C-alpha atoms as a PDB file:
ATOM      1  CA  UNK A   1     112.976  85.113  88.466  1.00  0.00           C
ATOM      2  CA  UNK A   2     113.541  81.424  89.170  1.00  0.00           C
ATOM      3  CA  UNK A   3     115.139  82.272  92.499  1.00  0.00           C
ATOM      4  CA  UNK A   4     112.146  84.424  93.346  1.00  0.00           C
ATOM      5  CA  UNK A   5     109.754  81.550  92.636  1.00  0.00           C
ATOM      6  CA  UNK A   6     111.837  79.162  94.745  1.00  0.00           C
ATOM      7  CA  UNK A   7     111.787  81.540  97.722  1.00  0.00           C
ATOM      8  CA  UNK A   8     108.028  82.108  97.467  1.00  0.00           C
ATOM      9  CA  UNK A   9     107.206  78.413  97.112  1.00  0.00           C
ATOM     10  CA  UNK A  10     109.512  77.459  99.986  1.00  0.00           C
ATOM     11  CA  UNK A  11     108.096  80.235 102.166  1.00  0.00           C
ATOM     12  CA  UNK A  12     104.513  79.192 101.489  1.00  0.00           C
ATOM     13  CA  UNK A  13     105.429  75.570 102.149  1.00  0.00           C
ATOM     14  CA  UNK A  14     106.805  76.441 105.562  1.00  0.00           C
ATOM     15  CA  UNK A  15     103.819  78.656 106.389  1.00  0.00           C
ATOM     16  CA  UNK A  16     100.987  76.470 105.131  1.00  0.00           C
ATOM     17  CA  UNK A  17     101.952  72.980 104.012  1.00  0.00           C
ATOM     18  CA  UNK A  18     104.332  71.797 106.738  1.00  0.00           C
ATOM     19  CA  UNK A  19     102.007  69.234 108.266  1.00  0.00           C
ATOM     20  CA  UNK A  20     101.980  65.439 108.083  1.00  0.00           C
ATOM     21  CA  UNK A  21     102.014  63.557 105.562  1.00  0.00           C
ATOM     22  CA  UNK A  22     104.043  66.049 103.503  1.00  0.00           C
ATOM     23  CA  UNK A  23     107.852  65.770 103.550  1.00  0.00           C
ATOM     24  CA  UNK A  24     109.855  67.873 106.027  1.00  0.00           C
ATOM     25  CA  UNK A  25     106.923  68.099 108.428  1.00  0.00           C
ATOM     26  CA  UNK A  26     107.487  68.729 112.139  1.00  0.00           C
ATOM     27  CA  UNK A  27     107.436  65.101 113.135  1.00  0.00           C
ATOM     28  CA  UNK A  28     109.911  63.956 110.468  1.00  0.00           C
ATOM     29  CA  UNK A  29     112.543  66.580 111.349  1.00  0.00           C
ATOM     30  CA  UNK A  30     112.061  66.346 115.123  1.00  0.00           C
ATOM     31  CA  UNK A  31     110.564  69.773 115.832  1.00  0.00           C
ATOM     32  CA  UNK A  32     107.493  68.479 117.613  1.00  0.00           C
ATOM     33  CA  UNK A  33     105.056  71.331 118.188  1.00  0.00           C
ATOM     34  CA  UNK A  34     107.432  74.181 117.321  1.00  0.00           C
ATOM     35  CA  UNK A  35     105.221  75.685 114.633  1.00  0.00           C
ATOM     36  CA  UNK A  36     106.723  79.117 115.269  1.00  0.00           C
ATOM     37  CA  UNK A  37     110.056  77.977 113.821  1.00  0.00           C
ATOM     38  CA  UNK A  38     108.478  77.128 110.469  1.00  0.00           C
ATOM     39  CA  UNK A  39     106.404  80.298 110.532  1.00  0.00           C
ATOM     40  CA  UNK A  40     109.500  82.452 111.051  1.00  0.00           C
ATOM     41  CA  UNK A  41     111.363  80.626 108.277  1.00  0.00           C
ATOM     42  CA  UNK A  42     108.371  80.987 105.937  1.00  0.00           C
ATOM     43  CA  UNK A  43     107.992  84.713 106.585  1.00  0.00           C
ATOM     44  CA  UNK A  44     111.749  85.209 106.155  1.00  0.00           C
ATOM     45  CA  UNK A  45     111.765  83.383 102.809  1.00  0.00           C
ATOM     46  CA  UNK A  46     108.821  85.398 101.516  1.00  0.00           C
ATOM     47  CA  UNK A  47     110.532  88.579 102.739  1.00  0.00           C
ATOM     48  CA  UNK A  48     113.715  87.607 100.904  1.00  0.00           C
ATOM     49  CA  UNK A  49     111.649  86.964  97.771  1.00  0.00           C
ATOM     50  CA  UNK A  50     110.153  90.444  98.086  1.00  0.00           C
ATOM     51  CA  UNK A  51     113.594  91.969  98.508  1.00  0.00           C
ATOM     52  CA  UNK A  52     114.950  90.097  95.479  1.00  0.00           C
ATOM     53  CA  UNK A  53     111.945  91.245  93.402  1.00  0.00           C
ATOM     54  CA  UNK A  54     112.281  94.865  94.544  1.00  0.00           C
ATOM     55  CA  UNK A  55     116.022  94.984  93.857  1.00  0.00           C
ATOM     56  CA  UNK A  56     115.628  93.388  90.433  1.00  0.00           C
ATOM     57  CA  UNK A  57     112.932  95.917  89.464  1.00  0.00           C
ATOM     58  CA  UNK A  58     115.115  98.760  90.717  1.00  0.00           C
ATOM     59  CA  UNK A  59     118.125  97.476  88.785  1.00  0.00           C
ATOM     60  CA  UNK A  60     116.020  97.075  85.617  1.00  0.00           C
ATOM     61  CA  UNK A  61     114.740 100.652  85.900  1.00  0.00           C
ATOM     62  CA  UNK A  62     118.265 101.979  86.433  1.00  0.00           C
ATOM     63  CA  UNK A  63     119.495 100.020  83.421  1.00  0.00           C
ATOM     64  CA  UNK A  64     116.781 101.397  81.124  1.00  0.00           C
ATOM     65  CA  UNK A  65     117.290 104.966  82.403  1.00  0.00           C
ATOM     66  CA  UNK A  66     120.897 105.081  81.232  1.00  0.00           C
END
């Protein structure tokens, strides 16, 4: 569950909070106006979090069924 929270927080950071003065903003890492890069990374991280959640629920159900 900790990994899930890390993925969601990181994904939301890249989607919403990646502007100056926060750390790792576009200007500090040299991306300039490439907002699409952070958006893709944010969506991917949230997607990975969803996959981790889905697989953990599926594994828990399989464990209780046996």
